[in-house]
Amino acid sequence: MTTIDLPAVTTPVRWNRALLALTAASAVLAVVAAVGILTDPRILTGVPIWLKPFKFAVSFVVYAGTLAWMLSILPRRSRPAEWAGIVIVGVAVAELAIIVFQVIRGRTSHYNIATPLDATLWSAMGTSIMVLFFAHLLIGVTALRQRIPDRAIAWAIRLGLLVTLLGMAVAFLMTTQGGTATAPGAHAVGVPDGGPGMPVTGWSTTGGDLRIGHFVGLHALQALPLLAVLLGRLVADPVKRMRLVFVGGGAYAVLVLLLTWQALRAQPLLQPDGTTLIAFAALAAVTVTAGAAVLRR
């Protein structure tokens, strides 16, 4: 008897067009800002004035592109999550526009209340970040409630979204650090903003810097799904893969907390004291032990 193989029926991928548009627009802005870094000689807070829009644009390329992918693989379309994605796009456009506008004016965008206009723009940025935080939280709740067939990928997405929230929360600590009457808040701890910094990132090399924990936390959104994909190639047992994702997610969250703790103690990233080194070594030992225990079971 002859059998006929019928083509498999596949569900069309539902990409969030607003997030894809933000990804493309941010990529264009990154190119424009890179040109600005090379051609505009102005320096602000110790770095090229176009460096901040460049870093924010690259960050939104990665963030928006990852969110668009995550929403596309959810088994069921969620209108609240889709609308949350659109809200995130609106917030991102507003924030990038303010940053670029302040660069054109030759002024800082963050923690700047020197003039009524500066204060209004900084207040708008603070409000927009709060809105983004809750929109991101809504997407995280949606991912927690849906059943994604690959459990390791599912939990990598969920944990990535939750740890990213932790990274966002670190940014609120910056509003309580030092600063001046015209610039309440800072990302550096123990030293003024704008001092010696690492190449590209600008992270302080003489004091603590809260941007480090913030940055690492935000990129859990990419790191944990990539871990799940890598485990899919190395570990055949789906239950073990899922448990290893839990180990990785827990370790990543603790890493964000340790980096933030180190910064709050005014320590540069590459100059940890003995206590900090012991804490990082303990995290590594516990993570390796837990991973080995999962593989042995």
C-alpha atoms as a PDB file:
ATOM      1  CA  MET A   1       0.000   0.000   0.000  1.00  0.00           C
ATOM      2  CA  THR A   2       1.394   3.361  -1.006  1.00  0.00           C
ATOM      3  CA  THR A   3       1.360   6.134   1.559  1.00  0.00           C
ATOM      4  CA  ILE A   4       1.281   9.787   0.754  1.00  0.00           C
ATOM      5  CA  ASP A   5       3.139  12.199   2.990  1.00  0.00           C
ATOM      6  CA  LEU A   6       1.043  15.281   3.536  1.00  0.00           C
ATOM      7  CA  PRO A   7       2.755  18.599   4.292  1.00  0.00           C
ATOM      8  CA  ALA A   8       2.779  19.475   7.959  1.00  0.00           C
ATOM      9  CA  VAL A   9       0.372  22.141   9.088  1.00  0.00           C
ATOM     10  CA  THR A  10       2.230  24.906  10.859  1.00  0.00           C
ATOM     11  CA  THR A  11       0.968  27.839  12.857  1.00  0.00           C
ATOM     12  CA  PRO A  12       2.035  31.158  11.343  1.00  0.00           C
ATOM     13  CA  VAL A  13       4.471  33.138  13.453  1.00  0.00           C
ATOM     14  CA  ARG A  14       2.794  36.192  14.996  1.00  0.00           C
ATOM     15  CA  TRP A  15       5.433  38.896  15.159  1.00  0.00           C
ATOM     16  CA  ASN A  16       4.672  42.099  17.026  1.00  0.00           C
ATOM     17  CA  ARG A  17       5.168  44.637  14.253  1.00  0.00           C
ATOM     18  CA  ALA A  18       5.558  47.562  16.635  1.00  0.00           C
ATOM     19  CA  LEU A  19       8.467  45.857  18.406  1.00  0.00           C
ATOM     20  CA  LEU A  20      10.060  44.961  15.070  1.00  0.00           C
ATOM     21  CA  ALA A  21       9.720  48.589  13.964  1.00  0.00           C
ATOM     22  CA  LEU A  22      11.385  49.710  17.203  1.00  0.00           C
ATOM     23  CA  THR A  23      14.209  47.245  16.592  1.00  0.00           C
ATOM     24  CA  ALA A  24      14.815  48.659  13.109  1.00  0.00           C
ATOM     25  CA  ALA A  25      14.527  52.299  14.211  1.00  0.00           C
ATOM     26  CA  SER A  26      16.925  51.714  17.114  1.00  0.00           C
ATOM     27  CA  ALA A  27      19.425  50.115  14.732  1.00  0.00           C
ATOM     28  CA  VAL A  28      19.285  53.228  12.530  1.00  0.00           C
ATOM     29  CA  LEU A  29      19.765  55.454  15.586  1.00  0.00           C
ATOM     30  CA  ALA A  30      22.761  53.337  16.657  1.00  0.00           C
ATOM     31  CA  VAL A  31      24.402  54.009  13.284  1.00  0.00           C
ATOM     32  CA  VAL A  32      23.645  57.752  13.503  1.00  0.00           C
ATOM     33  CA  ALA A  33      25.017  57.888  17.060  1.00  0.00           C
ATOM     34  CA  ALA A  34      28.149  55.982  16.009  1.00  0.00           C
ATOM     35  CA  VAL A  35      28.748  58.593  13.311  1.00  0.00           C
ATOM     36  CA  GLY A  36      28.190  61.274  15.947  1.00  0.00           C
ATOM     37  CA  ILE A  37      30.828  59.701  18.186  1.00  0.00           C
ATOM     38  CA  LEU A  38      33.325  59.864  15.334  1.00  0.00           C
ATOM     39  CA  THR A  39      32.499  63.351  14.062  1.00  0.00           C
ATOM     40  CA  ASP A  40      31.197  65.371  17.041  1.00  0.00           C
ATOM     41  CA  PRO A  41      34.098  66.464  19.295  1.00  0.00           C
ATOM     42  CA  ARG A  42      31.883  67.402  22.267  1.00  0.00           C
ATOM     43  CA  ILE A  43      32.519  65.631  25.573  1.00  0.00           C
ATOM     44  CA  LEU A  44      29.875  65.329  28.298  1.00  0.00           C
ATOM     45  CA  THR A  45      30.450  63.727  31.731  1.00  0.00           C
ATOM     46  CA  GLY A  46      33.861  62.573  30.545  1.00  0.00           C
ATOM     47  CA  VAL A  47      32.730  60.639  27.428  1.00  0.00           C
ATOM     48  CA  PRO A  48      31.755  61.495  23.818  1.00  0.00           C
ATOM     49  CA  ILE A  49      28.361  63.157  23.921  1.00  0.00           C
ATOM     50  CA  TRP A  50      26.834  60.656  21.438  1.00  0.00           C
ATOM     51  CA  LEU A  51      27.916  57.617  23.450  1.00  0.00           C
ATOM     52  CA  LYS A  52      24.740  57.553  25.574  1.00  0.00           C
ATOM     53  CA  PRO A  53      22.283  57.487  22.622  1.00  0.00           C
ATOM     54  CA  PHE A  54      24.494  54.851  20.988  1.00  0.00           C
ATOM     55  CA  LYS A  55      24.366  52.574  24.042  1.00  0.00           C
ATOM     56  CA  PHE A  56      20.635  53.074  24.546  1.00  0.00           C
ATOM     57  CA  ALA A  57      19.914  52.429  20.872  1.00  0.00           C
ATOM     58  CA  VAL A  58      21.902  49.188  20.870  1.00  0.00           C
ATOM     59  CA  SER A  59      20.183  48.137  24.087  1.00  0.00           C
ATOM     60  CA  PHE A  60      16.732  48.693  22.585  1.00  0.00           C
ATOM     61  CA  VAL A  61      17.713  46.767  19.430  1.00  0.00           C
ATOM     62  CA  VAL A  62      18.479  43.729  21.584  1.00  0.00           C
ATOM     63  CA  TYR A  63      15.583  44.232  24.014  1.00  0.00           C
ATOM     64  CA  ALA A  64      12.834  44.886  21.450  1.00  0.00           C
ATOM     65  CA  GLY A  65      14.048  42.145  19.117  1.00  0.00           C
ATOM     66  CA  THR A  66      14.093  39.606  21.937  1.00  0.00           C
ATOM     67  CA  LEU A  67      10.615  40.592  23.156  1.00  0.00           C
ATOM     68  CA  ALA A  68       9.252  40.312  19.617  1.00  0.00           C
ATOM     69  CA  TRP A  69      10.664  36.779  19.353  1.00  0.00           C
ATOM     70  CA  MET A  70       9.288  35.768  22.756  1.00  0.00           C
ATOM     71  CA  LEU A  71       5.783  36.990  21.930  1.00  0.00           C
ATOM     72  CA  SER A  72       5.943  35.203  18.575  1.00  0.00           C
ATOM     73  CA  ILE A  73       6.502  31.753  20.115  1.00  0.00           C
ATOM     74  CA  LEU A  74       3.749  31.906  22.725  1.00  0.00           C
ATOM     75  CA  PRO A  75       1.242  29.115  21.920  1.00  0.00           C
ATOM     76  CA  ARG A  76      -1.712  31.470  22.212  1.00  0.00           C
ATOM     77  CA  ARG A  77      -1.884  35.081  21.220  1.00  0.00           C
ATOM     78  CA  SER A  78      -2.330  37.346  24.222  1.00  0.00           C
ATOM     79  CA  ARG A  79      -3.879  40.711  23.474  1.00  0.00           C
ATOM     80  CA  PRO A  80      -2.750  42.228  26.818  1.00  0.00           C
ATOM     81  CA  ALA A  81       0.834  41.127  26.087  1.00  0.00           C
ATOM     82  CA  GLU A  82       0.619  42.481  22.540  1.00  0.00           C
ATOM     83  CA  TRP A  83      -0.645  45.823  23.831  1.00  0.00           C
ATOM     84  CA  ALA A  84       2.085  45.799  26.489  1.00  0.00           C
ATOM     85  CA  GLY A  85       4.599  45.447  23.656  1.00  0.00           C
ATOM     86  CA  ILE A  86       3.092  48.482  21.918  1.00  0.00           C
ATOM     87  CA  VAL A  87       3.273  50.456  25.180  1.00  0.00           C
ATOM     88  CA  ILE A  88       6.946  49.515  25.501  1.00  0.00           C
ATOM     89  CA  VAL A  89       7.532  50.819  21.980  1.00  0.00           C
ATOM     90  CA  GLY A  90       5.902  54.160  22.864  1.00  0.00           C
ATOM     91  CA  VAL A  91       7.969  54.460  26.034  1.00  0.00           C
ATOM     92  CA  ALA A  92      11.199  53.571  24.207  1.00  0.00           C
ATOM     93  CA  VAL A  93      10.551  56.134  21.462  1.00  0.00           C
ATOM     94  CA  ALA A  94       9.897  58.837  24.068  1.00  0.00           C
ATOM     95  CA  GLU A  95      13.061  57.985  26.007  1.00  0.00           C
ATOM     96  CA  LEU A  96      15.291  57.843  22.928  1.00  0.00           C
ATOM     97  CA  ALA A  97      13.823  61.105  21.638  1.00  0.00           C
ATOM     98  CA  ILE A  98      14.567  62.885  24.934  1.00  0.00           C
ATOM     99  CA  ILE A  99      18.118  61.522  25.032  1.00  0.00           C
ATOM    100  CA  VAL A 100      18.829  62.667  21.455  1.00  0.00           C
ATOM    101  CA  PHE A 101      17.161  66.055  22.058  1.00  0.00           C
ATOM    102  CA  GLN A 102      19.365  66.669  25.085  1.00  0.00           C
ATOM    103  CA  VAL A 103      22.461  65.628  23.143  1.00  0.00           C
ATOM    104  CA  ILE A 104      21.602  68.167  20.458  1.00  0.00           C
ATOM    105  CA  ARG A 105      21.266  70.788  23.223  1.00  0.00           C
ATOM    106  CA  GLY A 106      24.573  69.665  24.719  1.00  0.00           C
ATOM    107  CA  ARG A 107      23.009  68.715  28.050  1.00  0.00           C
ATOM    108  CA  THR A 108      22.692  65.558  30.121  1.00  0.00           C
ATOM    109  CA  SER A 109      19.371  63.744  30.016  1.00  0.00           C
ATOM    110  CA  HIS A 110      19.563  61.758  33.269  1.00  0.00           C
ATOM    111  CA  TYR A 111      19.265  63.290  36.769  1.00  0.00           C
ATOM    112  CA  ASN A 112      19.260  66.790  35.263  1.00  0.00           C
ATOM    113  CA  ILE A 113      16.912  69.364  36.830  1.00  0.00           C
ATOM    114  CA  ALA A 114      19.088  72.430  36.260  1.00  0.00           C
ATOM    115  CA  THR A 115      16.349  74.238  34.292  1.00  0.00           C
ATOM    116  CA  PRO A 116      12.560  73.820  34.132  1.00  0.00           C
ATOM    117  CA  LEU A 117      12.875  72.166  30.704  1.00  0.00           C
ATOM    118  CA  ASP A 118      15.583  69.771  31.932  1.00  0.00           C
ATOM    119  CA  ALA A 119      13.468  68.894  34.972  1.00  0.00           C
ATOM    120  CA  THR A 120      10.382  68.278  32.823  1.00  0.00           C
ATOM    121  CA  LEU A 121      12.274  66.000  30.472  1.00  0.00           C
ATOM    122  CA  TRP A 122      13.870  64.047  33.340  1.00  0.00           C
ATOM    123  CA  SER A 123      10.469  63.667  35.014  1.00  0.00           C
ATOM    124  CA  ALA A 124       9.017  62.357  31.752  1.00  0.00           C
ATOM    125  CA  MET A 125      11.843  59.815  31.487  1.00  0.00           C
ATOM    126  CA  GLY A 126      11.253  58.642  35.054  1.00  0.00           C
ATOM    127  CA  THR A 127       7.548  58.171  34.384  1.00  0.00           C
ATOM    128  CA  SER A 128       8.206  56.353  31.136  1.00  0.00           C
ATOM    129  CA  ILE A 129      10.525  53.874  32.839  1.00  0.00           C
ATOM    130  CA  MET A 130       7.851  53.071  35.420  1.00  0.00           C
ATOM    131  CA  VAL A 131       5.370  52.425  32.604  1.00  0.00           C
ATOM    132  CA  LEU A 132       7.900  50.186  30.820  1.00  0.00           C
ATOM    133  CA  PHE A 133       8.511  48.264  34.055  1.00  0.00           C
ATOM    134  CA  PHE A 134       4.830  47.371  34.467  1.00  0.00           C
ATOM    135  CA  ALA A 135       4.334  46.614  30.767  1.00  0.00           C
ATOM    136  CA  HIS A 136       7.292  44.227  30.951  1.00  0.00           C
ATOM    137  CA  LEU A 137       5.808  42.674  34.096  1.00  0.00           C
ATOM    138  CA  LEU A 138       2.541  42.033  32.227  1.00  0.00           C
ATOM    139  CA  ILE A 139       4.424  40.175  29.496  1.00  0.00           C
ATOM    140  CA  GLY A 140       6.222  38.143  32.173  1.00  0.00           C
ATOM    141  CA  VAL A 141       2.914  37.155  33.794  1.00  0.00           C
ATOM    142  CA  THR A 142       1.553  36.141  30.383  1.00  0.00           C
ATOM    143  CA  ALA A 143       4.582  33.924  29.740  1.00  0.00           C
ATOM    144  CA  LEU A 144       4.156  32.305  33.174  1.00  0.00           C
ATOM    145  CA  ARG A 145       0.539  31.389  32.416  1.00  0.00           C
ATOM    146  CA  GLN A 146       1.029  29.919  28.934  1.00  0.00           C
ATOM    147  CA  ARG A 147       2.161  26.355  28.190  1.00  0.00           C
ATOM    148  CA  ILE A 148       5.176  26.399  25.893  1.00  0.00           C
ATOM    149  CA  PRO A 149       5.905  22.811  24.699  1.00  0.00           C
ATOM    150  CA  ASP A 150       9.661  22.872  25.397  1.00  0.00           C
ATOM    151  CA  ARG A 151       9.768  23.240  29.187  1.00  0.00           C
ATOM    152  CA  ALA A 152      13.416  24.280  29.294  1.00  0.00           C
ATOM    153  CA  ILE A 153      12.814  27.080  26.775  1.00  0.00           C
ATOM    154  CA  ALA A 154       9.587  27.999  28.574  1.00  0.00           C
ATOM    155  CA  TRP A 155      11.290  28.448  31.932  1.00  0.00           C
ATOM    156  CA  ALA A 156      14.282  30.182  30.358  1.00  0.00           C
ATOM    157  CA  ILE A 157      11.892  32.776  28.907  1.00  0.00           C
ATOM    158  CA  ARG A 158       9.983  33.153  32.175  1.00  0.00           C
ATOM    159  CA  LEU A 159      13.084  33.435  34.321  1.00  0.00           C
ATOM    160  CA  GLY A 160      14.707  35.761  31.784  1.00  0.00           C
ATOM    161  CA  LEU A 161      11.712  38.097  31.959  1.00  0.00           C
ATOM    162  CA  LEU A 162      11.698  38.035  35.783  1.00  0.00           C
ATOM    163  CA  VAL A 163      15.450  38.563  36.208  1.00  0.00           C
ATOM    164  CA  THR A 164      15.218  41.426  33.709  1.00  0.00           C
ATOM    165  CA  LEU A 165      12.707  43.035  36.064  1.00  0.00           C
ATOM    166  CA  LEU A 166      15.336  42.735  38.794  1.00  0.00           C
ATOM    167  CA  GLY A 167      17.838  44.480  36.527  1.00  0.00           C
ATOM    168  CA  MET A 168      15.328  47.263  35.875  1.00  0.00           C
ATOM    169  CA  ALA A 169      14.763  47.659  39.615  1.00  0.00           C
ATOM    170  CA  VAL A 170      18.496  48.329  40.113  1.00  0.00           C
ATOM    171  CA  ALA A 171      18.041  51.527  38.091  1.00  0.00           C
ATOM    172  CA  PHE A 172      15.820  52.945  40.837  1.00  0.00           C
ATOM    173  CA  LEU A 173      18.796  52.803  43.223  1.00  0.00           C
ATOM    174  CA  MET A 174      20.578  55.325  41.003  1.00  0.00           C
ATOM    175  CA  THR A 175      18.065  58.013  41.949  1.00  0.00           C
ATOM    176  CA  THR A 176      19.157  57.776  45.605  1.00  0.00           C
ATOM    177  CA  GLN A 177      22.910  58.034  45.065  1.00  0.00           C
ATOM    178  CA  GLY A 178      24.716  61.276  45.814  1.00  0.00           C
ATOM    179  CA  GLY A 179      24.254  63.825  43.096  1.00  0.00           C
ATOM    180  CA  THR A 180      23.960  67.594  43.411  1.00  0.00           C
ATOM    181  CA  ALA A 181      21.203  70.159  43.743  1.00  0.00           C
ATOM    182  CA  THR A 182      20.836  70.314  39.952  1.00  0.00           C
ATOM    183  CA  ALA A 183      21.427  66.595  39.361  1.00  0.00           C
ATOM    184  CA  PRO A 184      19.913  64.464  42.136  1.00  0.00           C
ATOM    185  CA  GLY A 185      20.996  60.887  41.589  1.00  0.00           C
ATOM    186  CA  ALA A 186      24.025  59.174  40.079  1.00  0.00           C
ATOM    187  CA  HIS A 187      25.174  55.813  38.791  1.00  0.00           C
ATOM    188  CA  ALA A 188      28.615  55.999  40.398  1.00  0.00           C
ATOM    189  CA  VAL A 189      29.032  55.216  44.107  1.00  0.00           C
ATOM    190  CA  GLY A 190      31.826  56.736  46.171  1.00  0.00           C
ATOM    191  CA  VAL A 191      33.045  58.952  43.316  1.00  0.00           C
ATOM    192  CA  PRO A 192      31.433  61.641  41.126  1.00  0.00           C
ATOM    193  CA  ASP A 193      29.852  60.668  37.820  1.00  0.00           C
ATOM    194  CA  GLY A 194      32.023  61.357  34.800  1.00  0.00           C
ATOM    195  CA  GLY A 195      35.302  60.126  36.282  1.00  0.00           C
ATOM    196  CA  PRO A 196      37.665  57.539  34.768  1.00  0.00           C
ATOM    197  CA  GLY A 197      35.736  54.680  33.185  1.00  0.00           C
ATOM    198  CA  MET A 198      36.090  51.451  31.250  1.00  0.00           C
ATOM    199  CA  PRO A 199      36.196  51.655  27.438  1.00  0.00           C
ATOM    200  CA  VAL A 200      32.796  51.750  25.657  1.00  0.00           C
ATOM    201  CA  THR A 201      30.715  50.997  28.774  1.00  0.00           C
ATOM    202  CA  GLY A 202      32.086  53.933  30.763  1.00  0.00           C
ATOM    203  CA  TRP A 203      31.726  51.963  34.018  1.00  0.00           C
ATOM    204  CA  SER A 204      33.704  53.623  36.777  1.00  0.00           C
ATOM    205  CA  THR A 205      37.209  52.322  37.403  1.00  0.00           C
ATOM    206  CA  THR A 206      37.658  54.278  40.634  1.00  0.00           C
ATOM    207  CA  GLY A 207      34.373  53.572  42.463  1.00  0.00           C
ATOM    208  CA  GLY A 208      31.250  51.466  42.360  1.00  0.00           C
ATOM    209  CA  ASP A 209      28.906  51.650  39.373  1.00  0.00           C
ATOM    210  CA  LEU A 210      25.251  50.598  39.564  1.00  0.00           C
ATOM    211  CA  ARG A 211      25.019  50.369  35.774  1.00  0.00           C
ATOM    212  CA  ILE A 212      26.858  47.036  35.912  1.00  0.00           C
ATOM    213  CA  GLY A 213      24.157  45.125  37.796  1.00  0.00           C
ATOM    214  CA  HIS A 214      21.529  46.985  35.760  1.00  0.00           C
ATOM    215  CA  PHE A 215      23.159  45.932  32.480  1.00  0.00           C
ATOM    216  CA  VAL A 216      23.699  42.285  33.464  1.00  0.00           C
ATOM    217  CA  GLY A 217      20.138  42.000  34.776  1.00  0.00           C
ATOM    218  CA  LEU A 218      18.603  43.408  31.601  1.00  0.00           C
ATOM    219  CA  HIS A 219      20.412  40.881  29.442  1.00  0.00           C
ATOM    220  CA  ALA A 220      19.033  37.874  31.304  1.00  0.00           C
ATOM    221  CA  LEU A 221      16.346  38.192  28.635  1.00  0.00           C
ATOM    222  CA  GLN A 222      18.867  36.896  26.099  1.00  0.00           C
ATOM    223  CA  ALA A 223      21.304  34.915  28.264  1.00  0.00           C
ATOM    224  CA  LEU A 224      18.853  32.412  29.761  1.00  0.00           C
ATOM    225  CA  PRO A 225      17.091  31.453  26.493  1.00  0.00           C
ATOM    226  CA  LEU A 226      20.533  31.052  24.913  1.00  0.00           C
ATOM    227  CA  LEU A 227      21.473  28.772  27.815  1.00  0.00           C
ATOM    228  CA  ALA A 228      18.362  26.659  27.133  1.00  0.00           C
ATOM    229  CA  VAL A 229      19.232  26.422  23.433  1.00  0.00           C
ATOM    230  CA  LEU A 230      22.800  25.346  24.279  1.00  0.00           C
ATOM    231  CA  LEU A 231      21.541  22.740  26.751  1.00  0.00           C
ATOM    232  CA  GLY A 232      19.230  21.425  24.040  1.00  0.00           C
ATOM    233  CA  ARG A 233      22.331  20.468  22.073  1.00  0.00           C
ATOM    234  CA  LEU A 234      24.242  19.008  25.012  1.00  0.00           C
ATOM    235  CA  VAL A 235      21.661  17.339  27.297  1.00  0.00           C
ATOM    236  CA  ALA A 236      19.167  14.845  25.894  1.00  0.00           C
ATOM    237  CA  ASP A 237      16.931  14.520  28.966  1.00  0.00           C
ATOM    238  CA  PRO A 238      14.281  17.313  28.878  1.00  0.00           C
ATOM    239  CA  VAL A 239      13.754  17.186  32.657  1.00  0.00           C
ATOM    240  CA  LYS A 240      17.468  17.663  33.299  1.00  0.00           C
ATOM    241  CA  ARG A 241      17.533  20.544  30.823  1.00  0.00           C
ATOM    242  CA  MET A 242      14.703  22.241  32.664  1.00  0.00           C
ATOM    243  CA  ARG A 243      16.394  21.774  36.042  1.00  0.00           C
ATOM    244  CA  LEU A 244      19.674  23.144  34.686  1.00  0.00           C
ATOM    245  CA  VAL A 245      17.801  26.196  33.428  1.00  0.00           C
ATOM    246  CA  PHE A 246      16.498  26.710  36.981  1.00  0.00           C
ATOM    247  CA  VAL A 247      20.065  26.447  38.286  1.00  0.00           C
ATOM    248  CA  GLY A 248      21.282  28.927  35.682  1.00  0.00           C
ATOM    249  CA  GLY A 249      18.405  31.327  36.311  1.00  0.00           C
ATOM    250  CA  GLY A 250      18.946  31.294  40.066  1.00  0.00           C
ATOM    251  CA  ALA A 251      22.682  31.832  39.666  1.00  0.00           C
ATOM    252  CA  TYR A 252      22.080  34.693  37.225  1.00  0.00           C
ATOM    253  CA  ALA A 253      19.712  36.448  39.645  1.00  0.00           C
ATOM    254  CA  VAL A 254      22.233  36.131  42.488  1.00  0.00           C
ATOM    255  CA  LEU A 255      24.964  37.462  40.162  1.00  0.00           C
ATOM    256  CA  VAL A 256      22.901  40.609  39.545  1.00  0.00           C
ATOM    257  CA  LEU A 257      22.496  41.064  43.307  1.00  0.00           C
ATOM    258  CA  LEU A 258      26.213  40.518  43.966  1.00  0.00           C
ATOM    259  CA  LEU A 259      27.247  43.024  41.280  1.00  0.00           C
ATOM    260  CA  THR A 260      24.833  45.572  42.751  1.00  0.00           C
ATOM    261  CA  TRP A 261      26.117  44.859  46.284  1.00  0.00           C
ATOM    262  CA  GLN A 262      29.693  45.332  45.095  1.00  0.00           C
ATOM    263  CA  ALA A 263      28.790  48.661  43.479  1.00  0.00           C
ATOM    264  CA  LEU A 264      26.968  49.914  46.576  1.00  0.00           C
ATOM    265  CA  ARG A 265      30.170  49.265  48.526  1.00  0.00           C
ATOM    266  CA  ALA A 266      31.998  51.655  46.144  1.00  0.00           C
ATOM    267  CA  GLN A 267      34.148  48.938  44.577  1.00  0.00           C
ATOM    268  CA  PRO A 268      35.108  49.041  40.882  1.00  0.00           C
ATOM    269  CA  LEU A 269      34.179  45.928  38.958  1.00  0.00           C
ATOM    270  CA  LEU A 270      37.789  44.840  38.428  1.00  0.00           C
ATOM    271  CA  GLN A 271      38.983  45.717  41.943  1.00  0.00           C
ATOM    272  CA  PRO A 272      36.895  43.560  44.302  1.00  0.00           C
ATOM    273  CA  ASP A 273      37.976  43.109  47.891  1.00  0.00           C
ATOM    274  CA  GLY A 274      38.401  39.750  49.626  1.00  0.00           C
ATOM    275  CA  THR A 275      34.793  39.598  50.832  1.00  0.00           C
ATOM    276  CA  THR A 276      33.474  40.197  47.322  1.00  0.00           C
ATOM    277  CA  LEU A 277      35.784  37.552  45.858  1.00  0.00           C
ATOM    278  CA  ILE A 278      34.600  35.013  48.436  1.00  0.00           C
ATOM    279  CA  ALA A 279      30.969  35.797  47.575  1.00  0.00           C
ATOM    280  CA  PHE A 280      31.567  35.302  43.838  1.00  0.00           C
ATOM    281  CA  ALA A 281      33.550  32.104  44.482  1.00  0.00           C
ATOM    282  CA  ALA A 282      30.720  30.761  46.651  1.00  0.00           C
ATOM    283  CA  LEU A 283      28.197  31.494  43.888  1.00  0.00           C
ATOM    284  CA  ALA A 284      30.363  29.674  41.346  1.00  0.00           C
ATOM    285  CA  ALA A 285      30.842  26.679  43.663  1.00  0.00           C
ATOM    286  CA  VAL A 286      27.141  26.362  44.475  1.00  0.00           C
ATOM    287  CA  THR A 287      26.194  26.690  40.794  1.00  0.00           C
ATOM    288  CA  VAL A 288      28.660  24.032  39.662  1.00  0.00           C
ATOM    289  CA  THR A 289      27.643  21.693  42.488  1.00  0.00           C
ATOM    290  CA  ALA A 290      23.936  22.100  41.746  1.00  0.00           C
ATOM    291  CA  GLY A 291      24.497  21.560  38.018  1.00  0.00           C
ATOM    292  CA  ALA A 292      26.559  18.422  38.663  1.00  0.00           C
ATOM    293  CA  ALA A 293      23.873  17.092  41.016  1.00  0.00           C
ATOM    294  CA  VAL A 294      21.229  17.539  38.301  1.00  0.00           C
ATOM    295  CA  LEU A 295      23.341  15.692  35.739  1.00  0.00           C
ATOM    296  CA  ARG A 296      24.065  12.802  38.128  1.00  0.00           C
ATOM    297  CA  ARG A 297      20.419  12.136  39.030  1.00  0.00           C
END
